Amino acid sequence: MEEIIENKSVQVKLFQEKIRSAKQSTTFVETTYNDEWGSGLDRTGTINTKQDKWPGKNTLGTIIKKVAKKVRKRKLSDNAPKAQKQNREQAK
């Protein structure tokens, strides 16, 4: 799942921008009553309940936070598609 989220951060510009601009203290959470991947609560319950009291593990949120940290460390130029770089070299 981590690999999927990392690929999404490269392929989906809006997703990349959102996680890059999020504060390091941001908690990412899935709120669909899923005890493994999310908080185990609905949106209102998640917002109004302390994180340590959530019945769910929030595995997806933990993975997104880890990927966000990697994305912030990456240089913006590292995200440029490789094909564009090859095209410039061929034009020389």
N, C-alpha and C. Protein backbone atom coordinates (compact mmCIF):
# COMPACT_ATOMS: atom_id res chain seq x y z
N MET A 1 0.83 -1.19 0.00
CA MET A 1 0.00 0.00 0.00
C MET A 1 0.87 1.26 0.00
N GLU A 2 1.99 1.19 0.70
CA GLU A 2 2.88 2.35 0.72
C GLU A 2 3.38 2.68 -0.69
N GLU A 3 3.70 1.65 -1.45
CA GLU A 3 4.17 1.85 -2.83
C GLU A 3 3.08 2.51 -3.68
N ILE A 4 1.85 2.11 -3.47
CA ILE A 4 0.73 2.69 -4.22
C ILE A 4 0.59 4.18 -3.90
N ILE A 5 0.68 4.52 -2.62
CA ILE A 5 0.56 5.92 -2.21
C ILE A 5 1.75 6.74 -2.73
N GLU A 6 2.94 6.15 -2.72
CA GLU A 6 4.12 6.84 -3.27
C GLU A 6 3.93 7.11 -4.76
N ASN A 7 3.44 6.12 -5.49
CA ASN A 7 3.19 6.30 -6.93
C ASN A 7 2.13 7.38 -7.16
N LYS A 8 1.10 7.38 -6.33
CA LYS A 8 0.07 8.41 -6.47
C LYS A 8 0.66 9.79 -6.24
N SER A 9 1.60 9.90 -5.30
CA SER A 9 2.21 11.21 -5.02
C SER A 9 3.05 11.71 -6.19
N VAL A 10 3.51 10.80 -7.04
CA VAL A 10 4.28 11.18 -8.22
C VAL A 10 3.35 11.46 -9.40
N GLN A 11 2.31 10.66 -9.55
CA GLN A 11 1.45 10.73 -10.73
C GLN A 11 0.33 11.76 -10.63
N VAL A 12 -0.15 12.03 -9.42
CA VAL A 12 -1.29 12.93 -9.24
C VAL A 12 -0.80 14.23 -8.61
N LYS A 13 -0.65 15.25 -9.44
CA LYS A 13 -0.06 16.52 -9.02
C LYS A 13 -0.80 17.14 -7.84
N LEU A 14 -2.12 17.14 -7.87
CA LEU A 14 -2.91 17.74 -6.79
C LEU A 14 -2.64 17.02 -5.46
N PHE A 15 -2.60 15.69 -5.49
CA PHE A 15 -2.31 14.91 -4.28
C PHE A 15 -0.92 15.27 -3.76
N GLN A 16 0.05 15.34 -4.66
CA GLN A 16 1.42 15.69 -4.28
C GLN A 16 1.47 17.07 -3.62
N GLU A 17 0.79 18.03 -4.21
CA GLU A 17 0.77 19.39 -3.67
C GLU A 17 0.13 19.42 -2.29
N LYS A 18 -0.95 18.67 -2.11
CA LYS A 18 -1.65 18.64 -0.82
C LYS A 18 -0.76 18.07 0.27
N ILE A 19 -0.11 16.94 0.00
CA ILE A 19 0.70 16.36 1.07
C ILE A 19 2.01 17.11 1.26
N ARG A 20 2.53 17.73 0.20
CA ARG A 20 3.75 18.54 0.33
C ARG A 20 3.48 19.78 1.19
N SER A 21 2.32 20.39 1.02
CA SER A 21 2.01 21.64 1.73
C SER A 21 1.45 21.41 3.13
N ALA A 22 1.11 20.18 3.47
CA ALA A 22 0.57 19.89 4.80
C ALA A 22 1.66 20.06 5.86
N LYS A 23 1.27 20.57 7.01
CA LYS A 23 2.21 20.72 8.11
C LYS A 23 2.65 19.34 8.58
N GLN A 24 3.84 19.27 9.16
CA GLN A 24 4.34 17.99 9.66
C GLN A 24 3.44 17.43 10.76
N SER A 25 2.74 18.31 11.46
CA SER A 25 1.86 17.87 12.55
C SER A 25 0.49 17.41 12.05
N THR A 26 0.24 17.52 10.75
CA THR A 26 -1.05 17.12 10.19
C THR A 26 -1.28 15.63 10.38
N THR A 27 -2.52 15.30 10.78
CA THR A 27 -2.92 13.90 10.89
C THR A 27 -3.79 13.57 9.70
N PHE A 28 -3.35 12.63 8.89
CA PHE A 28 -4.15 12.16 7.76
C PHE A 28 -4.99 11.00 8.27
N VAL A 29 -6.26 10.97 7.89
CA VAL A 29 -7.13 9.92 8.41
C VAL A 29 -8.22 9.58 7.40
N GLU A 30 -8.53 8.30 7.33
CA GLU A 30 -9.64 7.79 6.52
C GLU A 30 -10.82 7.64 7.47
N THR A 31 -11.98 8.17 7.10
CA THR A 31 -13.12 8.17 8.02
C THR A 31 -14.32 7.43 7.44
N THR A 32 -14.16 6.16 7.19
CA THR A 32 -15.29 5.38 6.65
C THR A 32 -15.59 4.17 7.54
N TYR A 33 -15.54 4.36 8.82
CA TYR A 33 -15.83 3.30 9.78
C TYR A 33 -14.92 2.09 9.62
N ASN A 34 -13.76 2.26 9.06
CA ASN A 34 -12.86 1.14 8.84
C ASN A 34 -11.86 1.07 9.99
N ASP A 35 -11.89 -0.04 10.73
CA ASP A 35 -11.04 -0.17 11.92
C ASP A 35 -9.58 -0.44 11.59
N GLU A 36 -9.28 -0.94 10.41
CA GLU A 36 -7.89 -1.21 10.04
C GLU A 36 -7.26 0.00 9.36
N TRP A 37 -7.90 0.49 8.32
CA TRP A 37 -7.32 1.55 7.50
C TRP A 37 -7.66 2.95 7.98
N GLY A 38 -8.73 3.10 8.73
CA GLY A 38 -9.18 4.42 9.16
C GLY A 38 -9.31 4.57 10.65
N SER A 39 -10.04 5.60 11.06
CA SER A 39 -10.22 5.90 12.48
C SER A 39 -11.25 4.98 13.13
N GLY A 40 -12.08 4.34 12.32
CA GLY A 40 -13.14 3.50 12.86
C GLY A 40 -14.39 4.31 13.18
N LEU A 41 -14.35 5.61 12.85
CA LEU A 41 -15.47 6.50 13.13
C LEU A 41 -15.88 7.23 11.86
N ASP A 42 -17.04 7.87 11.91
CA ASP A 42 -17.41 8.73 10.78
C ASP A 42 -16.65 10.05 10.90
N ARG A 43 -16.87 10.93 9.96
CA ARG A 43 -16.11 12.20 9.93
C ARG A 43 -16.30 13.01 11.21
N THR A 44 -17.56 13.16 11.63
CA THR A 44 -17.84 13.94 12.84
C THR A 44 -17.20 13.29 14.06
N GLY A 45 -17.33 11.98 14.16
CA GLY A 45 -16.73 11.27 15.29
C GLY A 45 -15.22 11.40 15.31
N THR A 46 -14.61 11.34 14.14
CA THR A 46 -13.15 11.47 14.03
C THR A 46 -12.70 12.85 14.48
N ILE A 47 -13.39 13.88 14.01
CA ILE A 47 -13.02 15.25 14.36
C ILE A 47 -13.19 15.51 15.85
N ASN A 48 -14.24 14.95 16.45
CA ASN A 48 -14.57 15.25 17.85
C ASN A 48 -14.02 14.24 18.86
N THR A 49 -13.17 13.34 18.42
CA THR A 49 -12.59 12.34 19.31
C THR A 49 -11.07 12.43 19.25
N LYS A 50 -10.42 12.38 20.39
CA LYS A 50 -8.96 12.41 20.41
C LYS A 50 -8.43 11.18 19.68
N GLN A 51 -7.32 11.39 18.99
CA GLN A 51 -6.76 10.32 18.15
C GLN A 51 -6.47 9.05 18.94
N ASP A 52 -6.00 9.16 20.16
CA ASP A 52 -5.68 7.96 20.94
C ASP A 52 -6.93 7.20 21.40
N LYS A 53 -8.10 7.78 21.18
CA LYS A 53 -9.36 7.13 21.54
C LYS A 53 -10.09 6.54 20.33
N TRP A 54 -9.52 6.72 19.13
CA TRP A 54 -10.14 6.15 17.95
C TRP A 54 -10.11 4.62 18.06
N PRO A 55 -11.21 3.95 17.69
CA PRO A 55 -11.19 2.49 17.71
C PRO A 55 -10.36 1.88 16.58
N GLY A 56 -10.14 2.63 15.52
CA GLY A 56 -9.38 2.14 14.37
C GLY A 56 -7.89 2.40 14.47
N LYS A 57 -7.11 1.69 13.65
CA LYS A 57 -5.65 1.83 13.64
C LYS A 57 -5.17 2.99 12.77
N ASN A 58 -5.97 3.44 11.81
CA ASN A 58 -5.62 4.50 10.87
C ASN A 58 -4.34 4.17 10.09
N THR A 59 -4.24 2.96 9.62
CA THR A 59 -3.07 2.51 8.88
C THR A 59 -2.84 3.35 7.62
N LEU A 60 -3.90 3.67 6.90
CA LEU A 60 -3.76 4.48 5.69
C LEU A 60 -3.21 5.87 6.03
N GLY A 61 -3.72 6.47 7.09
CA GLY A 61 -3.24 7.78 7.50
C GLY A 61 -1.77 7.77 7.87
N THR A 62 -1.35 6.70 8.53
CA THR A 62 0.06 6.55 8.91
C THR A 62 0.94 6.44 7.67
N ILE A 63 0.49 5.68 6.69
CA ILE A 63 1.24 5.53 5.43
C ILE A 63 1.32 6.86 4.69
N ILE A 64 0.21 7.58 4.62
CA ILE A 64 0.21 8.87 3.92
C ILE A 64 1.15 9.84 4.61
N LYS A 65 1.16 9.84 5.93
CA LYS A 65 2.06 10.74 6.67
C LYS A 65 3.52 10.41 6.36
N LYS A 66 3.84 9.12 6.28
CA LYS A 66 5.20 8.68 5.97
C LYS A 66 5.60 9.11 4.55
N VAL A 67 4.69 8.93 3.60
CA VAL A 67 4.96 9.33 2.21
C VAL A 67 5.07 10.85 2.12
N ALA A 68 4.24 11.58 2.85
CA ALA A 68 4.30 13.05 2.84
C ALA A 68 5.68 13.52 3.30
N LYS A 69 6.23 12.86 4.28
CA LYS A 69 7.57 13.22 4.76
C LYS A 69 8.60 13.03 3.65
N LYS A 70 8.49 11.93 2.91
CA LYS A 70 9.40 11.67 1.79
C LYS A 70 9.22 12.72 0.68
N VAL A 71 7.97 13.06 0.39
CA VAL A 71 7.68 14.03 -0.66
C VAL A 71 8.27 15.39 -0.31
N ARG A 72 8.17 15.79 0.95
CA ARG A 72 8.73 17.08 1.37
C ARG A 72 10.25 17.10 1.21
N LYS A 73 10.90 15.97 1.41
CA LYS A 73 12.36 15.89 1.29
C LYS A 73 12.82 15.92 -0.16
N ARG A 74 11.96 15.42 -1.07
CA ARG A 74 12.29 15.38 -2.49
C ARG A 74 12.41 16.78 -3.05
N LYS A 75 13.37 16.98 -3.91
CA LYS A 75 13.47 18.26 -4.61
C LYS A 75 12.33 18.34 -5.61
N LEU A 76 11.84 19.53 -5.85
CA LEU A 76 10.77 19.69 -6.84
C LEU A 76 11.21 19.23 -8.21
N SER A 77 12.49 19.41 -8.54
CA SER A 77 12.99 18.99 -9.85
C SER A 77 13.00 17.48 -10.01
N ASP A 78 13.04 16.74 -8.90
CA ASP A 78 13.02 15.28 -8.96
C ASP A 78 11.68 14.76 -9.43
N ASN A 79 10.66 15.59 -9.36
CA ASN A 79 9.31 15.16 -9.73
C ASN A 79 9.01 15.37 -11.21
N ALA A 80 9.93 15.99 -11.94
CA ALA A 80 9.71 16.23 -13.36
C ALA A 80 9.70 14.91 -14.12
N PRO A 81 8.78 14.76 -15.05
CA PRO A 81 8.74 13.53 -15.84
C PRO A 81 10.05 13.30 -16.58
N LYS A 82 10.51 12.08 -16.60
CA LYS A 82 11.79 11.74 -17.24
C LYS A 82 11.72 11.92 -18.76
N ALA A 83 10.57 11.74 -19.35
CA ALA A 83 10.42 11.85 -20.81
C ALA A 83 10.78 13.26 -21.28
N GLN A 84 10.42 14.26 -20.52
CA GLN A 84 10.74 15.63 -20.91
C GLN A 84 12.24 15.83 -20.95
N LYS A 85 12.93 15.27 -20.00
CA LYS A 85 14.39 15.40 -19.95
C LYS A 85 15.01 14.73 -21.17
N GLN A 86 14.50 13.56 -21.55
CA GLN A 86 15.02 12.85 -22.71
C GLN A 86 14.76 13.64 -23.99
N ASN A 87 13.60 14.26 -24.09
CA ASN A 87 13.27 15.05 -25.28
C ASN A 87 14.22 16.22 -25.45
N ARG A 88 14.60 16.86 -24.35
CA ARG A 88 15.53 17.99 -24.43
C ARG A 88 16.89 17.53 -24.91
N GLU A 89 17.32 16.35 -24.48
CA GLU A 89 18.62 15.83 -24.89
C GLU A 89 18.61 15.47 -26.38
N GLN A 90 17.50 14.96 -26.87
CA GLN A 90 17.39 14.59 -28.28
C GLN A 90 17.38 15.84 -29.17
N ALA A 91 16.89 16.95 -28.66
CA ALA A 91 16.80 18.18 -29.44
C ALA A 91 18.17 18.82 -29.66
N LYS A 92 19.15 18.44 -28.87
CA LYS A 92 20.49 19.06 -28.97
C LYS A 92 21.22 18.63 -30.19
